[in-house]
């Protein structure tokens, strides 16, 4: 999952070397925190959160195959 989010986000931003995805495992789910350069945050979130919602949807669909629950958070 972490690699999937990293590939998706790197393809959207102007500074792909500053993309960092960290994962936190909890009892029931996996939380992925995405950090990008401040100037790229708008591109990752998109208008009214559409890009962020699309990323979350793709990750959620991939997580269903693994039988896990995954949350994607965009951290400034």
N, C-alpha and C. Protein backbone atom coordinates (compact mmCIF):
# COMPACT_ATOMS: atom_id res chain seq x y z
N UNK A 1 0.81 -1.19 0.00
CA UNK A 1 0.00 0.00 0.00
C UNK A 1 0.86 1.26 0.00
N UNK A 2 1.91 1.23 0.81
CA UNK A 2 2.77 2.39 0.93
C UNK A 2 3.38 2.75 -0.43
N UNK A 3 3.81 1.75 -1.17
CA UNK A 3 4.41 1.99 -2.48
C UNK A 3 3.39 2.54 -3.47
N UNK A 4 2.17 2.06 -3.39
CA UNK A 4 1.11 2.53 -4.28
C UNK A 4 0.85 4.01 -4.05
N UNK A 5 0.73 4.42 -2.81
CA UNK A 5 0.48 5.82 -2.49
C UNK A 5 1.66 6.68 -2.94
N UNK A 6 2.86 6.18 -2.72
CA UNK A 6 4.05 6.92 -3.09
C UNK A 6 4.11 7.15 -4.60
N UNK A 7 3.80 6.15 -5.39
CA UNK A 7 3.82 6.29 -6.85
C UNK A 7 2.75 7.27 -7.31
N UNK A 8 1.56 7.18 -6.74
CA UNK A 8 0.48 8.08 -7.12
C UNK A 8 0.82 9.54 -6.81
N UNK A 9 1.33 9.78 -5.62
CA UNK A 9 1.60 11.15 -5.19
C UNK A 9 2.80 11.71 -5.95
N UNK A 10 3.84 10.91 -6.15
CA UNK A 10 5.03 11.40 -6.88
C UNK A 10 4.68 11.83 -8.30
N UNK A 11 3.71 11.17 -8.91
CA UNK A 11 3.33 11.53 -10.28
C UNK A 11 2.57 12.85 -10.35
N UNK A 12 2.06 13.33 -9.22
CA UNK A 12 1.26 14.55 -9.21
C UNK A 12 2.06 15.82 -8.89
N UNK A 13 3.14 15.70 -8.14
CA UNK A 13 3.82 16.86 -7.59
C UNK A 13 4.98 17.34 -8.46
N UNK A 14 5.42 18.59 -8.21
CA UNK A 14 6.56 19.16 -8.91
C UNK A 14 7.89 18.75 -8.28
N UNK A 15 7.87 18.43 -7.00
CA UNK A 15 9.09 18.05 -6.28
C UNK A 15 8.93 16.63 -5.72
N UNK A 16 9.07 15.62 -6.58
CA UNK A 16 8.84 14.24 -6.13
C UNK A 16 9.85 13.75 -5.11
N UNK A 17 11.02 14.38 -5.03
CA UNK A 17 12.01 13.94 -4.06
C UNK A 17 11.63 14.30 -2.63
N UNK A 18 10.67 15.20 -2.45
CA UNK A 18 10.23 15.60 -1.12
C UNK A 18 8.97 14.86 -0.65
N UNK A 19 8.56 13.85 -1.39
CA UNK A 19 7.41 13.06 -0.99
C UNK A 19 7.86 12.02 0.02
N UNK A 20 7.17 11.97 1.14
CA UNK A 20 7.47 10.98 2.18
C UNK A 20 6.16 10.35 2.64
N UNK A 21 6.13 9.03 2.63
CA UNK A 21 4.96 8.29 3.08
C UNK A 21 5.40 7.42 4.26
N UNK A 22 4.78 7.64 5.40
CA UNK A 22 5.07 6.84 6.58
C UNK A 22 3.84 6.03 6.94
N UNK A 23 4.07 4.85 7.47
CA UNK A 23 2.95 3.99 7.83
C UNK A 23 2.94 3.73 9.32
N UNK A 24 1.75 3.69 9.87
CA UNK A 24 1.54 3.37 11.29
C UNK A 24 0.54 2.23 11.36
N UNK A 25 0.95 1.16 11.97
CA UNK A 25 0.10 -0.01 12.10
C UNK A 25 -0.69 0.07 13.40
N UNK A 26 -1.99 -0.11 13.30
CA UNK A 26 -2.82 -0.19 14.49
C UNK A 26 -3.42 -1.60 14.54
N UNK A 27 -4.22 -1.84 15.54
CA UNK A 27 -4.79 -3.18 15.72
C UNK A 27 -5.66 -3.60 14.53
N UNK A 28 -6.43 -2.67 14.02
CA UNK A 28 -7.37 -3.02 12.95
C UNK A 28 -7.00 -2.46 11.58
N UNK A 29 -6.17 -1.45 11.54
CA UNK A 29 -5.95 -0.80 10.26
C UNK A 29 -4.52 -0.31 10.09
N UNK A 30 -4.28 0.22 8.93
CA UNK A 30 -2.99 0.79 8.58
C UNK A 30 -3.23 2.25 8.24
N UNK A 31 -2.46 3.15 8.84
CA UNK A 31 -2.59 4.58 8.58
C UNK A 31 -1.37 5.03 7.80
N UNK A 32 -1.58 5.61 6.63
CA UNK A 32 -0.49 6.12 5.80
C UNK A 32 -0.52 7.64 5.85
N UNK A 33 0.59 8.22 6.29
CA UNK A 33 0.71 9.68 6.35
C UNK A 33 1.55 10.14 5.17
N UNK A 34 1.01 11.07 4.39
CA UNK A 34 1.69 11.57 3.20
C UNK A 34 2.16 12.99 3.48
N UNK A 35 3.45 13.21 3.27
CA UNK A 35 4.04 14.55 3.42
C UNK A 35 4.62 14.96 2.08
N UNK A 36 4.31 16.20 1.67
CA UNK A 36 4.86 16.75 0.43
C UNK A 36 5.35 18.16 0.72
N UNK A 37 6.02 18.74 -0.26
CA UNK A 37 6.47 20.12 -0.12
C UNK A 37 5.25 21.03 0.04
N UNK A 38 5.36 22.10 0.81
CA UNK A 38 4.20 22.99 1.00
C UNK A 38 3.62 23.54 -0.30
N UNK A 39 4.46 23.76 -1.29
CA UNK A 39 3.96 24.28 -2.57
C UNK A 39 3.19 23.22 -3.36
N UNK A 40 3.36 21.95 -3.04
CA UNK A 40 2.68 20.87 -3.75
C UNK A 40 1.42 20.38 -3.04
N UNK A 41 1.15 20.88 -1.86
CA UNK A 41 0.01 20.38 -1.09
C UNK A 41 -1.31 20.59 -1.83
N UNK A 42 -1.45 21.72 -2.50
CA UNK A 42 -2.68 21.99 -3.25
C UNK A 42 -2.89 21.02 -4.39
N UNK A 43 -1.82 20.59 -5.02
CA UNK A 43 -1.94 19.63 -6.13
C UNK A 43 -2.37 18.27 -5.63
N UNK A 44 -1.91 17.90 -4.46
CA UNK A 44 -2.26 16.59 -3.92
C UNK A 44 -3.70 16.58 -3.41
N UNK A 45 -4.14 17.69 -2.84
CA UNK A 45 -5.51 17.75 -2.33
C UNK A 45 -6.51 18.00 -3.46
N UNK A 46 -6.18 18.89 -4.38
CA UNK A 46 -7.07 19.17 -5.50
C UNK A 46 -8.21 20.09 -5.13
N UNK A 47 -8.98 20.45 -6.12
CA UNK A 47 -10.14 21.31 -5.88
C UNK A 47 -11.20 20.57 -5.09
N UNK A 48 -11.58 21.17 -4.00
CA UNK A 48 -12.59 20.61 -3.08
C UNK A 48 -12.23 19.18 -2.65
N UNK A 49 -10.93 18.86 -2.65
CA UNK A 49 -10.48 17.55 -2.17
C UNK A 49 -10.68 16.41 -3.13
N UNK A 50 -10.89 16.70 -4.40
CA UNK A 50 -11.19 15.63 -5.36
C UNK A 50 -10.01 14.70 -5.59
N UNK A 51 -8.80 15.24 -5.70
CA UNK A 51 -7.63 14.39 -5.94
C UNK A 51 -7.36 13.52 -4.71
N UNK A 52 -7.44 14.12 -3.53
CA UNK A 52 -7.24 13.36 -2.30
C UNK A 52 -8.28 12.26 -2.17
N UNK A 53 -9.50 12.55 -2.50
CA UNK A 53 -10.57 11.55 -2.44
C UNK A 53 -10.31 10.42 -3.43
N UNK A 54 -9.80 10.76 -4.61
CA UNK A 54 -9.50 9.74 -5.62
C UNK A 54 -8.36 8.84 -5.15
N UNK A 55 -7.34 9.42 -4.54
CA UNK A 55 -6.23 8.62 -4.02
C UNK A 55 -6.73 7.68 -2.95
N UNK A 56 -7.56 8.18 -2.06
CA UNK A 56 -8.12 7.34 -0.99
C UNK A 56 -8.97 6.20 -1.55
N UNK A 57 -9.73 6.48 -2.62
CA UNK A 57 -10.57 5.46 -3.23
C UNK A 57 -9.73 4.35 -3.85
N UNK A 58 -8.66 4.71 -4.55
CA UNK A 58 -7.79 3.71 -5.17
C UNK A 58 -7.14 2.85 -4.10
N UNK A 59 -6.65 3.47 -3.03
CA UNK A 59 -6.00 2.72 -1.96
C UNK A 59 -7.00 1.82 -1.25
N UNK A 60 -8.20 2.32 -1.04
CA UNK A 60 -9.23 1.51 -0.39
C UNK A 60 -9.58 0.29 -1.23
N UNK A 61 -9.65 0.45 -2.54
CA UNK A 61 -9.95 -0.68 -3.43
C UNK A 61 -8.83 -1.71 -3.39
N UNK A 62 -7.59 -1.24 -3.34
CA UNK A 62 -6.46 -2.16 -3.27
C UNK A 62 -6.41 -2.86 -1.91
N UNK A 63 -6.83 -2.18 -0.87
CA UNK A 63 -6.81 -2.75 0.48
C UNK A 63 -7.86 -3.84 0.65
N UNK A 64 -8.94 -3.75 -0.07
CA UNK A 64 -10.00 -4.75 0.03
C UNK A 64 -9.46 -6.11 -0.41
N UNK A 65 -8.59 -6.10 -1.40
CA UNK A 65 -8.00 -7.36 -1.86
C UNK A 65 -7.18 -8.02 -0.76
N UNK A 66 -6.51 -7.20 0.06
CA UNK A 66 -5.70 -7.72 1.15
C UNK A 66 -6.50 -7.97 2.42
N UNK A 67 -7.75 -7.55 2.42
CA UNK A 67 -8.60 -7.72 3.60
C UNK A 67 -8.21 -6.81 4.75
N UNK A 68 -7.71 -5.62 4.43
CA UNK A 68 -7.26 -4.66 5.45
C UNK A 68 -8.04 -3.37 5.31
N UNK A 69 -7.94 -2.57 6.35
CA UNK A 69 -8.52 -1.23 6.33
C UNK A 69 -7.36 -0.23 6.31
N UNK A 70 -7.36 0.66 5.33
CA UNK A 70 -6.26 1.61 5.18
C UNK A 70 -6.83 3.02 5.15
N UNK A 71 -6.18 3.91 5.91
CA UNK A 71 -6.54 5.32 5.91
C UNK A 71 -5.35 6.11 5.35
N UNK A 72 -5.65 7.08 4.51
CA UNK A 72 -4.60 7.94 3.96
C UNK A 72 -4.82 9.34 4.51
N UNK A 73 -3.78 9.88 5.16
CA UNK A 73 -3.85 11.23 5.73
C UNK A 73 -2.79 12.09 5.08
N UNK A 74 -3.16 13.30 4.73
CA UNK A 74 -2.22 14.25 4.13
C UNK A 74 -1.81 15.24 5.21
N UNK A 75 -0.53 15.19 5.58
CA UNK A 75 0.00 15.97 6.69
C UNK A 75 0.86 17.11 6.14
N UNK A 76 0.63 18.34 6.63
CA UNK A 76 1.46 19.46 6.13
C UNK A 76 2.88 19.41 6.63
